[in-house]
Amino acid sequence: SDVSTAARLCDGALIVVDALEGVCTQTHAVIYKALKERMRPCLVLNKIDRLVSELRLTPAEAFHHLRRIIENVNALAFTLVNSEYIKANELKGVTMEDASIPDDDPMVAEWTFAPEKGNVQFASAFDGWGFGLMKFINTWHKKLGLNKGVLRKYLFDDYSLNLETKKITKIDHADAQKQPMFATLVLEPIWKVYETLMVERDLLGTVEYAKSELGIHLEKREINARDPRSTLQSIMRRWLHLADSILRMVIRNMPNPVEAQRLRVQTLMESHYLSLDEDSESIGEQKLEKIKKAIESCDTSPEAPLVVFVSKMMPVRVAELSKRDVEMLQTMRTTRAAEAAAAAAAAEESSDETAVVPPPPPLAPDQEVFLALGRIFSGTLKRDSPVHIVGHKHDPFAFAALSQDNNRPDVYTNEAIPTALQGSITLVPDLHTDKLGCYLLLGPSIAAADTVPAGNIVGIVGLEDYILKTATISDTWLCPPLKAITFQSKPMLKVAVEPENPMHLRALEMGLQALNQFDPVVEIGVDSSGQRTMTCLGELHLDQCVKTLVDKFAK
């Protein structure tokens, strides 16, 4: 479920494949999801360290093993791309003698992984190192003076290098003495560090090798005779820093939001919203076409319509929020408590209209509230933006006709929503007067922002009462709902849930409500016998949900 929710927010995908197991079922599912969302892919071969420490492969054997995995991933990717190409032609009614996708199609090049293209990384996340081909191309270009273009072409292929003559020759497989360049120039130094330190346990020899051959000078505190692994990690992280390597690959290969949304608009909007005519006499169609073009161009201008897709409700600690937003949430909680008390009094036909409702307790720093995690596809989100929650059943054509026929405005109160639109759209009245908390997501932390333009991932505070799982947010009712997230499978495992102590029943009910809002896949309900039920994808998902309930939502 996390893969599906993240795929809608991102323009690129890192396809991580285990270097030992190779292509598996999950690889197929992830590639298919990234392809359906039109994401730009990059490949990461992880756990390279286990090839030397567990399988004990030689550098040459590891090279052939890694190349075989890349070929398998490419074969799978081509199969899926070709399948989507055939489906698209069938929907268009196009019949072709050769139904397979042409080799020069941009999608084929985009979904072909090759180290020389810069879209493949070799990594060990456990030890914190990783590299692309350009890292060693630059290194050996400086050391040997070899042409970078020649190294890029032959480094990850069946060619060997004579270090004395600096000649590159094709490997004859009958000649066992010649080793591929990737094995001798790239893998052998890595294998040397692992074998010397982890197999031979030669700590001083490894430190000296790192200093003389790799240019890595370790501090005394980084050399640990009792824990050789920590010393190895210090060497490898200084030499081949994982985060730096991945970031460079992402910058070189992933598209910017403007380029990405031009390609992804086909997957974001339903097909009947993509074929509108801007020159149509219908005002509704003209405005809908403008909204589509604003999404397509990632328009950040002041007059651009605001379109945000919320893919998940994410809990954050109150201590991470700004003081202004904490006060806003406290005010909203007090208002809701007063409204609930008034409704209860009205239901009981109470005559005590002057009863004072005690304010709810203040929000504790460790308490968690929900942050609506979304991507801004058009416009600029501001703290005082008048936002509408657009439901998946909302029909902008119905509103366009209603607005044109009755000369109605583009903004209603919730009480004045026309009958044709009731249940499909909600105005958020509490967030109209500088009460929308906006946050930029910066890795594990969040930073408050007054305005966030299109192309960014944003966190919005104050919408937990209006959004259950996912939604489209806009400042106009003419905005069509963006496509709902499709998950790889549906929840099938239903279990009954009850507290160990009956006194904690209320806490369980509140926890289940929070879990239902947090997890986009889980289904919470009550069966015919009155038992509370939880439906999950499988046993692993069930374990995760129970752990989340115990540790977070129903403490």
Protein backbone atom coordinates (compact mmCIF):
# COMPACT_ATOMS: atom_id res chain seq x y z
CA SER A 1 0.00 0.00 0.00
CA ASP A 2 2.86 2.40 0.74
CA VAL A 3 4.27 1.77 -2.74
CA SER A 4 0.95 2.71 -4.35
CA THR A 5 0.48 5.87 -2.28
CA ALA A 6 4.05 7.01 -2.89
CA ALA A 7 3.83 6.30 -6.63
CA ARG A 8 1.10 8.92 -7.08
CA LEU A 9 3.21 11.61 -5.41
CA CYS A 10 6.54 10.94 -7.16
CA ASP A 11 7.81 11.35 -10.71
CA GLY A 12 10.59 8.76 -10.48
CA ALA A 13 11.00 5.28 -9.06
CA LEU A 14 14.00 3.44 -7.64
CA ILE A 15 13.53 -0.23 -8.52
CA VAL A 16 15.50 -2.08 -5.82
CA VAL A 17 16.49 -5.67 -6.65
CA ASP A 18 18.22 -8.08 -4.29
CA ALA A 19 21.58 -9.06 -5.81
CA LEU A 20 21.22 -12.59 -4.40
CA GLU A 21 17.58 -13.37 -5.21
CA GLY A 22 17.34 -11.42 -8.45
CA VAL A 23 13.95 -10.74 -10.03
CA CYS A 24 11.03 -11.88 -7.86
CA THR A 25 7.25 -11.41 -7.67
CA GLN A 26 7.54 -8.10 -5.87
CA THR A 27 9.87 -6.80 -8.59
CA HIS A 28 7.18 -7.54 -11.15
CA ALA A 29 4.54 -5.71 -9.08
CA VAL A 30 6.71 -2.64 -8.47
CA ILE A 31 7.76 -2.29 -12.13
CA TYR A 32 4.14 -2.65 -13.23
CA LYS A 33 3.00 0.03 -10.77
CA ALA A 34 5.75 2.45 -11.82
CA LEU A 35 4.88 1.85 -15.48
CA LYS A 36 1.16 2.48 -14.93
CA GLU A 37 1.94 5.76 -13.13
CA ARG A 38 4.37 6.79 -15.93
CA MET A 39 7.28 7.20 -13.54
CA ARG A 40 10.88 7.46 -14.73
CA PRO A 41 12.71 4.37 -13.40
CA CYS A 42 16.23 3.74 -12.12
CA LEU A 43 17.60 0.38 -11.00
CA VAL A 44 19.43 -0.30 -7.73
CA LEU A 45 21.12 -3.68 -7.23
CA ASN A 46 21.32 -3.99 -3.45
CA LYS A 47 23.21 -6.36 -1.10
CA ILE A 48 26.33 -6.53 -3.28
CA ASP A 49 28.32 -7.18 -0.10
CA ARG A 50 26.68 -10.60 0.29
CA LEU A 51 28.14 -11.75 -3.01
CA VAL A 52 31.59 -11.70 -1.43
CA SER A 53 30.80 -12.37 2.23
CA GLU A 54 28.22 -15.17 1.79
CA LEU A 55 28.35 -16.57 -1.75
CA ARG A 56 32.13 -16.05 -1.94
CA LEU A 57 31.98 -15.23 -5.65
CA THR A 58 35.08 -14.03 -7.44
CA PRO A 59 34.90 -10.55 -9.02
CA ALA A 60 34.50 -12.13 -12.48
CA GLU A 61 31.69 -14.42 -11.27
CA ALA A 62 29.99 -11.49 -9.56
CA PHE A 63 30.18 -9.46 -12.80
CA HIS A 64 28.42 -12.17 -14.80
CA HIS A 65 25.87 -12.65 -12.00
CA LEU A 66 25.04 -8.92 -11.90
CA ARG A 67 24.82 -8.64 -15.67
CA ARG A 68 22.43 -11.58 -15.76
CA ILE A 69 20.15 -9.86 -13.19
CA ILE A 70 20.10 -6.65 -15.26
CA GLU A 71 19.20 -8.66 -18.37
CA ASN A 72 16.34 -10.34 -16.47
CA VAL A 73 15.01 -6.98 -15.25
CA ASN A 74 15.19 -5.59 -18.80
CA ALA A 75 13.35 -8.63 -20.17
CA LEU A 76 10.58 -8.22 -17.59
CA ALA A 77 10.32 -4.46 -18.17
CA PHE A 78 10.12 -4.93 -21.96
CA THR A 79 7.37 -7.52 -21.56
CA LEU A 80 5.27 -5.16 -19.44
CA VAL A 81 5.93 -2.15 -21.70
CA ASN A 82 4.97 -4.17 -24.76
CA SER A 83 1.80 -5.38 -23.04
CA GLU A 84 0.76 -1.80 -22.22
CA TYR A 85 1.52 -0.74 -25.80
CA ILE A 86 -0.75 -3.46 -27.20
CA LYS A 87 -3.55 -2.59 -24.75
CA ALA A 88 -3.34 1.11 -25.69
CA ASN A 89 -3.62 0.28 -29.40
CA GLU A 90 -6.59 -2.01 -28.77
CA LEU A 91 -8.39 0.77 -26.90
CA LYS A 92 -7.76 3.11 -29.82
CA GLY A 93 -9.05 0.50 -32.25
CA VAL A 94 -5.70 0.31 -34.03
CA THR A 95 -4.87 -3.05 -35.60
CA MET A 96 -1.30 -3.79 -36.64
CA GLU A 97 0.32 -6.79 -38.29
CA ASP A 98 3.22 -6.63 -35.87
CA ALA A 99 1.64 -5.73 -32.55
CA SER A 100 4.90 -5.48 -30.62
CA ILE A 101 6.29 -2.09 -29.65
CA PRO A 102 8.93 -0.62 -32.02
CA ASP A 103 12.53 -0.66 -30.80
CA ASP A 104 12.82 3.11 -31.30
CA ASP A 105 9.82 3.89 -29.10
CA PRO A 106 10.81 6.27 -26.24
CA MET A 107 9.26 3.93 -23.68
CA VAL A 108 11.66 1.15 -24.66
CA ALA A 109 14.69 3.39 -24.10
CA GLU A 110 13.23 4.72 -20.84
CA TRP A 111 12.69 1.21 -19.45
CA THR A 112 16.03 -0.23 -20.56
CA PHE A 113 18.52 -0.36 -17.70
CA ALA A 114 22.23 -0.18 -18.49
CA PRO A 115 25.10 0.94 -16.23
CA GLU A 116 26.63 2.96 -19.09
CA LYS A 117 23.38 5.00 -19.29
CA GLY A 118 23.77 6.00 -15.65
CA ASN A 119 20.43 4.54 -14.53
CA VAL A 120 21.89 1.56 -12.61
CA GLN A 121 23.45 1.68 -9.14
CA PHE A 122 25.33 -1.06 -7.31
CA ALA A 123 24.87 -0.77 -3.57
CA SER A 124 24.97 -2.21 -0.08
CA ALA A 125 22.39 -0.36 2.01
CA PHE A 126 23.46 -2.26 5.13
CA ASP A 127 27.05 -1.00 4.89
CA GLY A 128 26.00 2.38 3.49
CA TRP A 129 27.83 2.42 0.15
CA GLY A 130 26.88 2.53 -3.49
CA PHE A 131 28.23 3.61 -6.85
CA GLY A 132 27.40 4.10 -10.49
CA LEU A 133 29.68 3.47 -13.43
CA MET A 134 30.66 7.15 -13.71
CA LYS A 135 32.39 7.01 -10.32
CA PHE A 136 35.00 4.54 -11.57
CA ILE A 137 35.10 5.99 -15.07
CA ASN A 138 36.27 9.29 -13.58
CA THR A 139 38.70 7.50 -11.25
CA TRP A 140 40.43 5.46 -13.96
CA HIS A 141 40.37 8.36 -16.40
CA LYS A 142 42.50 10.32 -13.93
CA LYS A 143 44.78 7.39 -13.08
CA LEU A 144 45.36 5.93 -16.54
CA GLY A 145 44.40 8.77 -18.85
CA LEU A 146 41.86 6.60 -20.68
CA ASN A 147 39.10 8.23 -22.70
CA LYS A 148 35.85 8.53 -20.72
CA GLY A 149 33.71 7.61 -23.72
CA VAL A 150 35.73 4.44 -24.32
CA LEU A 151 35.50 3.46 -20.65
CA ARG A 152 31.76 4.11 -20.60
CA LYS A 153 31.29 1.86 -23.66
CA TYR A 154 33.44 -1.10 -22.63
CA LEU A 155 33.64 -1.05 -18.80
CA PHE A 156 30.50 -3.15 -18.23
CA ASP A 157 31.04 -5.60 -21.08
CA ASP A 158 33.16 -8.62 -22.02
CA TYR A 159 36.34 -6.62 -22.55
CA SER A 160 39.62 -6.75 -20.68
CA LEU A 161 42.22 -4.04 -20.12
CA ASN A 162 45.98 -4.48 -20.27
CA LEU A 163 47.23 -2.03 -17.63
CA GLU A 164 50.73 -1.92 -19.15
CA THR A 165 49.78 -1.21 -22.76
CA LYS A 166 46.40 0.34 -21.88
CA LYS A 167 44.77 -1.64 -24.66
CA ILE A 168 41.20 -2.89 -24.46
CA THR A 169 40.52 -6.26 -26.10
CA LYS A 170 37.51 -8.50 -26.51
CA ILE A 171 37.57 -11.45 -24.10
CA ASP A 172 37.86 -14.90 -25.59
CA HIS A 173 35.92 -17.13 -23.20
CA ALA A 174 38.42 -19.92 -23.85
CA ASP A 175 41.10 -17.74 -22.25
CA ALA A 176 40.50 -17.98 -18.49
CA GLN A 177 43.32 -15.57 -17.64
CA LYS A 178 41.62 -12.49 -19.01
CA GLN A 179 39.16 -10.83 -16.65
CA PRO A 180 36.37 -8.36 -17.53
CA MET A 181 37.24 -4.71 -16.92
CA PHE A 182 34.36 -4.34 -14.47
CA ALA A 183 35.80 -7.17 -12.37
CA THR A 184 39.38 -5.86 -12.31
CA LEU A 185 38.80 -2.10 -12.14
CA VAL A 186 35.62 -1.94 -10.05
CA LEU A 187 34.93 -5.07 -8.04
CA GLU A 188 38.47 -6.15 -7.11
CA PRO A 189 39.15 -3.10 -4.86
CA ILE A 190 35.80 -3.68 -3.09
CA TRP A 191 36.47 -7.41 -2.76
CA LYS A 192 39.95 -6.60 -1.40
CA VAL A 193 38.50 -4.53 1.46
CA TYR A 194 35.91 -7.16 2.38
CA GLU A 195 38.21 -10.16 2.18
CA THR A 196 41.09 -8.51 4.04
CA LEU A 197 38.93 -7.22 6.86
CA MET A 198 36.00 -9.64 7.15
CA VAL A 199 37.70 -12.91 6.14
CA GLU A 200 41.37 -12.49 7.02
CA ARG A 201 40.61 -10.12 9.94
CA ASP A 202 43.62 -8.00 9.02
CA LEU A 203 42.52 -4.66 10.48
CA LEU A 204 45.82 -2.78 10.08
CA GLY A 205 46.34 -4.16 6.57
CA THR A 206 42.89 -2.94 5.52
CA VAL A 207 43.44 0.51 7.00
CA GLU A 208 46.78 0.77 5.20
CA TYR A 209 45.24 -0.40 1.91
CA ALA A 210 42.45 2.16 2.24
CA LYS A 211 45.02 4.90 2.86
CA SER A 212 47.48 4.00 0.09
CA GLU A 213 45.15 2.74 -2.66
CA LEU A 214 41.83 4.42 -1.99
CA GLY A 215 42.96 7.68 -0.41
CA ILE A 216 40.80 7.10 2.68
CA HIS A 217 42.31 8.37 5.95
CA LEU A 218 40.44 7.03 8.98
CA GLU A 219 40.35 8.71 12.37
CA LYS A 220 41.44 6.65 15.36
CA ARG A 221 37.88 6.57 16.67
CA GLU A 222 36.75 4.95 13.40
CA ILE A 223 39.15 2.00 13.78
CA ASN A 224 37.49 -0.61 15.97
CA ALA A 225 39.33 -3.90 16.48
CA ARG A 226 36.36 -5.41 18.33
CA ASP A 227 33.90 -4.58 15.56
CA PRO A 228 35.57 -4.91 12.13
CA ARG A 229 32.24 -4.27 10.41
CA SER A 230 32.05 -0.72 11.72
CA THR A 231 35.58 -0.07 10.42
CA LEU A 232 34.60 -1.49 7.04
CA GLN A 233 31.51 0.69 6.94
CA SER A 234 33.59 3.78 7.74
CA ILE A 235 35.92 3.01 4.82
CA MET A 236 33.18 2.23 2.32
CA ARG A 237 30.98 5.18 3.28
CA ARG A 238 33.87 7.58 2.84
CA TRP A 239 34.89 6.03 -0.44
CA LEU A 240 31.50 5.30 -2.04
CA HIS A 241 28.89 7.29 -0.16
CA LEU A 242 25.45 5.81 -0.83
CA ALA A 243 23.27 8.91 -0.44
CA ASP A 244 25.56 11.00 -2.65
CA SER A 245 25.61 8.33 -5.35
CA ILE A 246 21.83 7.82 -5.38
CA LEU A 247 21.21 11.58 -5.42
CA ARG A 248 23.50 12.06 -8.42
CA MET A 249 21.67 9.32 -10.33
CA VAL A 250 18.29 10.85 -9.48
CA ILE A 251 19.40 14.31 -10.64
CA ARG A 252 20.75 12.97 -13.92
CA ASN A 253 17.84 10.67 -14.78
CA MET A 254 14.64 11.78 -13.08
CA PRO A 255 12.47 14.43 -14.82
CA ASN A 256 11.59 17.79 -13.29
CA PRO A 257 7.90 18.31 -12.33
CA VAL A 258 7.10 20.28 -15.50
CA GLU A 259 8.43 17.55 -17.78
CA ALA A 260 6.96 14.75 -15.68
CA GLN A 261 3.42 16.12 -15.46
CA ARG A 262 3.30 16.61 -19.23
CA LEU A 263 3.70 12.83 -19.50
CA ARG A 264 1.75 11.82 -16.40
CA VAL A 265 -1.43 13.82 -17.05
CA GLN A 266 -2.76 10.81 -18.99
CA THR A 267 -2.58 8.69 -15.83
CA LEU A 268 -3.86 11.38 -13.46
CA MET A 269 -7.16 12.25 -15.16
CA GLU A 270 -9.98 10.13 -16.49
CA SER A 271 -10.07 9.72 -20.26
CA HIS A 272 -13.27 11.74 -20.79
CA TYR A 273 -11.58 14.81 -19.29
CA LEU A 274 -8.60 14.55 -21.66
CA SER A 275 -10.50 14.98 -24.94
CA LEU A 276 -12.24 18.29 -24.25
CA ASP A 277 -12.33 21.14 -26.75
CA GLU A 278 -11.08 24.50 -25.50
CA ASP A 279 -12.94 26.19 -28.38
CA SER A 280 -16.23 24.62 -27.32
CA GLU A 281 -19.14 26.95 -26.66
CA SER A 282 -19.62 25.29 -23.29
CA ILE A 283 -18.06 27.40 -20.54
CA GLY A 284 -17.67 24.28 -18.43
CA GLU A 285 -15.63 22.47 -21.07
CA GLN A 286 -13.45 25.54 -21.58
CA LYS A 287 -12.66 25.76 -17.86
CA LEU A 288 -12.07 22.02 -17.56
CA GLU A 289 -9.63 22.19 -20.48
CA LYS A 290 -7.79 25.04 -18.73
CA ILE A 291 -7.55 22.95 -15.57
CA LYS A 292 -6.14 20.04 -17.60
CA LYS A 293 -3.55 22.31 -19.24
CA ALA A 294 -2.61 23.80 -15.86
CA ILE A 295 -1.92 20.29 -14.52
CA GLU A 296 -0.05 19.36 -17.69
CA SER A 297 2.24 22.39 -17.47
CA CYS A 298 2.59 22.37 -13.65
CA ASP A 299 1.33 25.96 -13.68
CA THR A 300 2.41 27.99 -10.63
CA SER A 301 0.98 31.35 -11.73
CA PRO A 302 -1.39 33.20 -9.34
CA GLU A 303 -4.40 32.69 -11.62
CA ALA A 304 -3.80 28.95 -12.05
CA PRO A 305 -6.43 26.69 -10.44
CA LEU A 306 -5.31 24.86 -7.33
CA VAL A 307 -5.24 21.06 -7.74
CA VAL A 308 -3.81 18.87 -4.97
CA PHE A 309 -4.06 15.11 -4.63
CA VAL A 310 -3.87 13.71 -1.09
CA SER A 311 -2.69 10.10 -1.15
CA LYS A 312 -2.33 9.40 2.55
CA MET A 313 -3.06 10.71 6.04
CA MET A 314 0.21 10.64 7.96
CA PRO A 315 0.54 11.03 11.75
CA VAL A 316 3.02 13.61 13.05
CA ARG A 317 3.92 14.70 16.57
CA VAL A 318 2.48 17.99 17.80
CA ALA A 319 6.01 19.05 18.78
CA GLU A 320 6.95 19.16 15.07
CA LEU A 321 4.21 21.66 14.24
CA SER A 322 4.50 25.44 14.44
CA LYS A 323 3.02 27.24 17.42
CA ARG A 324 0.45 28.90 15.18
CA ASP A 325 -0.83 25.56 13.89
CA VAL A 326 -0.98 24.04 17.37
CA GLU A 327 -3.16 26.95 18.48
CA MET A 328 -5.32 26.50 15.37
CA LEU A 329 -5.84 22.81 16.09
CA GLN A 330 -6.66 23.52 19.72
CA THR A 331 -9.27 26.08 18.64
CA MET A 332 -10.80 23.61 16.20
CA ARG A 333 -10.94 20.93 18.90
CA THR A 334 -12.69 23.34 21.27
CA THR A 335 -15.21 24.30 18.58
CA ARG A 336 -15.96 20.67 17.74
CA ALA A 337 -16.42 19.82 21.44
CA ALA A 338 -18.89 22.68 21.83
CA GLU A 339 -20.81 21.62 18.71
CA ALA A 340 -20.94 18.01 19.91
CA ALA A 341 -22.21 19.10 23.32
CA ALA A 342 -24.85 21.31 21.72
CA ALA A 343 -25.99 18.46 19.50
CA ALA A 344 -26.18 16.10 22.46
CA ALA A 345 -28.18 18.62 24.46
CA ALA A 346 -30.57 19.11 21.55
CA ALA A 347 -31.00 15.35 21.21
CA GLU A 348 -31.83 15.05 24.92
CA GLU A 349 -34.12 18.11 24.66
CA SER A 350 -32.15 19.72 27.44
CA SER A 351 -33.48 23.04 28.67
CA ASP A 352 -30.15 24.12 30.15
CA GLU A 353 -28.96 26.37 27.30
CA THR A 354 -26.43 28.16 29.50
CA ALA A 355 -24.39 25.07 30.34
CA VAL A 356 -20.67 25.72 30.03
CA VAL A 357 -18.75 23.17 27.99
CA PRO A 358 -15.31 22.49 29.48
CA PRO A 359 -12.53 22.97 26.90
CA PRO A 360 -10.66 19.84 25.78
CA PRO A 361 -7.23 19.27 27.33
CA PRO A 362 -4.34 21.02 25.57
CA LEU A 363 -2.43 19.10 22.92
CA ALA A 364 0.62 17.40 24.40
CA PRO A 365 3.94 17.60 22.51
CA ASP A 366 4.04 13.80 22.12
CA GLN A 367 0.46 13.62 20.93
CA GLU A 368 -0.04 12.86 17.22
CA VAL A 369 -2.29 14.55 14.68
CA PHE A 370 -2.86 13.71 11.03
CA LEU A 371 -1.05 15.47 8.23
CA ALA A 372 -2.62 15.19 4.77
CA LEU A 373 0.24 14.07 2.53
CA GLY A 374 -0.29 15.30 -1.02
CA ARG A 375 1.23 16.51 -4.28
CA ILE A 376 0.39 19.92 -5.74
CA PHE A 377 -0.18 19.47 -9.47
CA SER A 378 -1.32 23.01 -10.27
CA GLY A 379 -1.51 26.44 -8.65
CA THR A 380 -0.09 27.56 -5.32
CA LEU A 381 -1.35 26.40 -1.94
CA LYS A 382 -1.56 29.18 0.67
CA ARG A 383 -2.60 29.30 4.29
CA ASP A 384 -5.71 31.29 3.37
CA SER A 385 -6.63 29.22 0.28
CA PRO A 386 -10.40 28.48 0.12
CA VAL A 387 -10.27 24.74 -0.51
CA HIS A 388 -12.88 22.18 -1.54
CA ILE A 389 -12.61 18.45 -0.94
CA VAL A 390 -13.57 16.90 -4.27
CA GLY A 391 -15.02 13.40 -3.88
CA HIS A 392 -14.34 10.58 -6.34
CA LYS A 393 -17.98 10.71 -7.50
CA HIS A 394 -17.97 14.44 -8.19
CA ASP A 395 -19.13 15.37 -11.71
CA PRO A 396 -17.82 18.79 -12.80
CA PHE A 397 -20.04 18.65 -15.88
CA ALA A 398 -23.10 18.66 -13.59
CA PHE A 399 -21.83 21.73 -11.81
CA ALA A 400 -20.91 23.42 -15.11
CA ALA A 401 -24.44 22.92 -16.39
CA LEU A 402 -25.93 24.08 -13.09
CA SER A 403 -23.71 27.17 -13.01
CA GLN A 404 -24.46 28.07 -16.62
CA ASP A 405 -28.22 27.53 -16.36
CA ASN A 406 -28.82 29.19 -13.00
CA ASN A 407 -26.00 31.71 -12.98
CA ARG A 408 -24.75 30.28 -9.70
CA PRO A 409 -21.38 31.27 -8.24
CA ASP A 410 -18.35 28.99 -8.06
CA VAL A 411 -18.44 28.94 -4.25
CA TYR A 412 -21.24 27.77 -1.98
CA THR A 413 -21.56 27.13 1.70
CA ASN A 414 -22.08 23.51 2.69
CA GLU A 415 -25.72 24.27 3.53
CA ALA A 416 -26.30 25.71 0.04
CA ILE A 417 -24.67 22.91 -1.97
CA PRO A 418 -27.04 22.05 -4.84
CA THR A 419 -28.80 18.70 -4.63
CA ALA A 420 -26.98 17.50 -7.76
CA LEU A 421 -23.64 17.92 -6.01
CA GLN A 422 -24.45 16.82 -2.46
CA GLY A 423 -22.24 13.97 -1.27
CA SER A 424 -19.64 14.52 -3.98
CA ILE A 425 -17.97 17.71 -2.77
CA THR A 426 -17.34 19.41 0.57
CA LEU A 427 -16.39 22.99 1.32
CA VAL A 428 -13.95 23.35 4.22
CA PRO A 429 -15.32 26.40 6.07
CA ASP A 430 -12.95 26.26 9.04
CA LEU A 431 -9.90 26.76 6.84
CA HIS A 432 -10.85 29.96 5.04
CA THR A 433 -9.27 32.55 7.31
CA ASP A 434 -5.53 31.89 7.51
CA LYS A 435 -6.06 28.50 9.11
CA LEU A 436 -4.47 26.12 6.63
CA GLY A 437 -1.21 24.70 7.99
CA CYS A 438 1.20 23.97 5.10
CA TYR A 439 4.44 22.02 5.50
CA LEU A 440 7.23 21.05 3.13
CA LEU A 441 8.46 17.50 3.67
CA LEU A 442 12.24 17.45 3.99
CA GLY A 443 13.19 13.82 4.46
CA PRO A 444 12.23 12.74 7.98
CA SER A 445 11.42 16.31 9.08
CA ILE A 446 8.82 18.90 8.09
CA ALA A 447 9.16 22.67 7.69
CA ALA A 448 6.29 25.17 7.93
CA ALA A 449 5.62 27.25 4.82
CA ASP A 450 3.10 29.99 4.05
CA THR A 451 2.95 29.15 0.32
CA VAL A 452 3.82 25.97 -1.58
CA PRO A 453 3.82 26.06 -5.42
CA ALA A 454 2.96 23.26 -7.85
CA GLY A 455 5.46 20.46 -8.24
CA ASN A 456 6.04 20.01 -4.50
CA ILE A 457 4.97 17.37 -2.01
CA VAL A 458 3.11 19.09 0.82
CA GLY A 459 1.72 18.21 4.21
CA ILE A 460 -1.54 19.94 5.23
CA VAL A 461 -2.68 20.25 8.82
CA GLY A 462 -6.37 20.60 9.66
CA LEU A 463 -8.01 18.26 7.16
CA GLU A 464 -8.33 15.09 9.25
CA ASP A 465 -12.05 15.71 9.79
CA TYR A 466 -12.68 16.07 6.06
CA ILE A 467 -10.49 13.39 4.43
CA LEU A 468 -10.71 9.73 5.34
CA LYS A 469 -8.01 8.20 3.12
CA THR A 470 -7.47 9.99 -0.22
CA ALA A 471 -9.03 12.99 -1.94
CA THR A 472 -8.59 15.73 -4.52
CA ILE A 473 -8.36 19.27 -3.17
CA SER A 474 -9.12 22.33 -5.31
CA ASP A 475 -10.24 25.94 -5.09
CA THR A 476 -12.88 25.45 -7.79
CA TRP A 477 -15.82 23.08 -8.02
CA LEU A 478 -15.11 22.62 -11.71
CA CYS A 479 -12.01 20.59 -10.87
CA PRO A 480 -12.49 16.94 -11.83
CA PRO A 481 -11.48 14.31 -9.27
CA LEU A 482 -8.10 12.81 -10.10
CA LYS A 483 -7.96 9.07 -10.60
CA ALA A 484 -8.22 7.02 -7.43
CA ILE A 485 -5.17 5.02 -6.38
CA THR A 486 -5.32 1.40 -7.45
CA PHE A 487 -3.71 -1.16 -5.18
CA GLN A 488 -2.05 -4.38 -6.22
CA SER A 489 -4.50 -6.53 -4.26
CA LYS A 490 -7.64 -6.21 -2.16
CA PRO A 491 -7.90 -6.97 1.57
CA MET A 492 -8.96 -10.57 2.06
CA LEU A 493 -8.03 -11.55 5.64
CA LYS A 494 -10.75 -10.53 8.10
CA VAL A 495 -10.21 -10.89 11.85
CA ALA A 496 -12.14 -9.85 14.94
CA VAL A 497 -10.45 -7.30 17.19
CA GLU A 498 -11.07 -6.81 20.91
CA PRO A 499 -9.06 -5.33 23.79
CA GLU A 500 -7.40 -7.56 26.39
CA ASN A 501 -8.99 -5.37 29.05
CA PRO A 502 -12.66 -4.40 28.46
CA MET A 503 -11.89 -1.08 30.14
CA HIS A 504 -9.83 -0.16 27.06
CA LEU A 505 -12.69 -0.59 24.59
CA ARG A 506 -12.98 3.15 23.95
CA ALA A 507 -9.25 3.41 23.27
CA LEU A 508 -9.54 0.50 20.80
CA GLU A 509 -12.42 2.17 18.96
CA MET A 510 -10.47 5.42 18.62
CA GLY A 511 -7.38 3.49 17.56
CA LEU A 512 -9.26 1.59 14.86
CA GLN A 513 -10.66 4.86 13.49
CA ALA A 514 -7.16 6.33 13.34
CA LEU A 515 -5.76 3.16 11.73
CA ASN A 516 -8.52 3.24 9.11
CA GLN A 517 -7.52 6.81 8.24
CA PHE A 518 -3.79 6.08 8.29
CA ASP A 519 -3.71 2.87 6.24
CA PRO A 520 -5.22 3.30 2.75
CA VAL A 521 -5.93 -0.44 2.34
CA VAL A 522 -7.20 -1.72 5.69
CA GLU A 523 -10.97 -1.96 6.17
CA ILE A 524 -12.56 -1.48 9.59
CA GLY A 525 -16.12 -2.54 10.34
CA VAL A 526 -18.58 -4.26 12.68
CA ASP A 527 -20.03 -7.69 11.86
CA SER A 528 -23.57 -8.91 12.47
CA SER A 529 -22.71 -10.08 15.99
CA GLY A 530 -21.38 -6.66 17.00
CA GLN A 531 -17.69 -7.57 16.92
CA ARG A 532 -15.23 -5.05 15.55
CA THR A 533 -13.43 -6.44 12.51
CA MET A 534 -10.28 -5.54 10.63
CA THR A 535 -9.67 -6.74 7.06
CA CYS A 536 -6.06 -6.82 5.84
CA LEU A 537 -4.13 -7.92 2.75
CA GLY A 538 -2.51 -10.89 4.48
CA GLU A 539 -0.75 -12.07 7.61
CA LEU A 540 2.19 -9.69 7.21
CA HIS A 541 -0.13 -6.72 6.74
CA LEU A 542 -2.17 -7.90 9.74
CA ASP A 543 0.95 -8.00 11.92
CA GLN A 544 1.83 -4.46 10.82
CA CYS A 545 -1.68 -3.19 11.61
CA VAL A 546 -1.71 -4.81 15.05
CA LYS A 547 1.73 -3.37 15.81
CA THR A 548 0.60 0.10 14.67
CA LEU A 549 -2.48 -0.17 16.88
CA VAL A 550 -0.52 -1.25 19.95
CA ASP A 551 2.40 1.16 19.54
CA LYS A 552 0.72 4.23 18.10
CA PHE A 553 -3.06 4.56 17.94
CA ALA A 554 -4.43 2.47 20.81
CA LYS A 555 -1.75 2.68 23.48
